[in-house]
Amino acid sequence: VKPGESFSLYLYDSNGQRISDVTYTVADPTICEVTDGYVKATAYGTTTVTITYYTLTFECIVRVN
């Protein structure tokens, strides 16, 4: 993505329903920010967004260039 662009990042259950009780953590919050699954690129670079759902974790690499 480019600075200023955004995208949605959600988890879904096996029935296709969005899982809402997750926690988002950004490794480098100067590169992007996440609000309720909405990721906004703020600066050039690469970082990881980690989504935690109980004891499970999922990672998404975000590249802003």
Protein backbone atom coordinates (compact mmCIF):
# COMPACT_ATOMS: atom_id res chain seq x y z
CA VAL A 1 0.00 0.00 0.00
CA LYS A 2 0.98 3.63 -0.27
CA PRO A 3 1.03 6.18 2.57
CA GLY A 4 -2.51 7.36 3.25
CA GLU A 5 -4.12 4.21 1.83
CA SER A 6 -6.05 1.78 3.99
CA PHE A 7 -7.55 -1.68 3.99
CA SER A 8 -9.62 -3.95 6.25
CA LEU A 9 -8.02 -6.82 8.16
CA TYR A 10 -10.53 -9.12 9.86
CA LEU A 11 -10.78 -12.70 11.15
CA TYR A 12 -13.79 -14.80 10.20
CA ASP A 13 -15.12 -17.98 11.79
CA SER A 14 -16.04 -21.15 9.90
CA ASN A 15 -19.55 -19.77 9.30
CA GLY A 16 -18.22 -16.65 7.60
CA GLN A 17 -19.03 -14.39 10.55
CA ARG A 18 -16.54 -11.69 11.49
CA ILE A 19 -14.83 -12.33 14.83
CA SER A 20 -14.95 -9.07 16.76
CA ASP A 21 -13.24 -9.87 20.07
CA VAL A 22 -9.67 -9.74 18.74
CA THR A 23 -6.69 -7.57 19.63
CA TYR A 24 -4.51 -5.86 17.02
CA THR A 25 -0.86 -5.05 17.72
CA VAL A 26 1.41 -3.17 15.31
CA ALA A 27 5.14 -3.87 15.62
CA ASP A 28 6.07 -0.39 14.33
CA PRO A 29 3.17 2.04 14.83
CA THR A 30 4.99 4.75 12.87
CA ILE A 31 4.32 2.76 9.65
CA CYS A 32 0.64 1.95 10.09
CA GLU A 33 -2.17 2.16 12.60
CA VAL A 34 -5.11 -0.18 13.18
CA THR A 35 -8.53 0.82 14.45
CA ASP A 36 -11.14 -1.94 14.75
CA GLY A 37 -9.61 -3.92 11.88
CA TYR A 38 -9.11 -0.89 9.64
CA VAL A 39 -5.39 -0.56 8.75
CA LYS A 40 -4.13 2.84 7.61
CA ALA A 41 -0.62 3.28 6.18
CA THR A 42 1.08 6.34 7.64
CA ALA A 43 4.75 6.15 6.56
CA TYR A 44 7.10 4.19 4.30
CA GLY A 45 8.48 0.90 5.63
CA THR A 46 7.54 -2.65 6.58
CA THR A 47 5.91 -3.80 9.79
CA THR A 48 3.83 -6.66 11.15
CA VAL A 49 0.27 -6.50 12.41
CA THR A 50 -0.48 -9.27 14.89
CA ILE A 51 -4.07 -10.30 15.54
CA THR A 52 -4.68 -12.16 18.79
CA TYR A 53 -7.81 -14.22 19.41
CA TYR A 54 -7.65 -15.90 22.82
CA THR A 55 -4.45 -18.01 22.59
CA LEU A 56 -4.20 -17.88 18.78
CA THR A 57 -2.09 -15.32 16.93
CA PHE A 58 -2.08 -14.40 13.26
CA GLU A 59 0.40 -12.11 11.51
CA CYS A 60 0.06 -9.86 8.49
CA ILE A 61 3.09 -8.15 6.96
CA VAL A 62 2.32 -4.60 5.87
CA ARG A 63 4.60 -2.99 3.30
CA VAL A 64 4.16 0.70 2.65
CA ASN A 65 6.03 1.88 -0.44
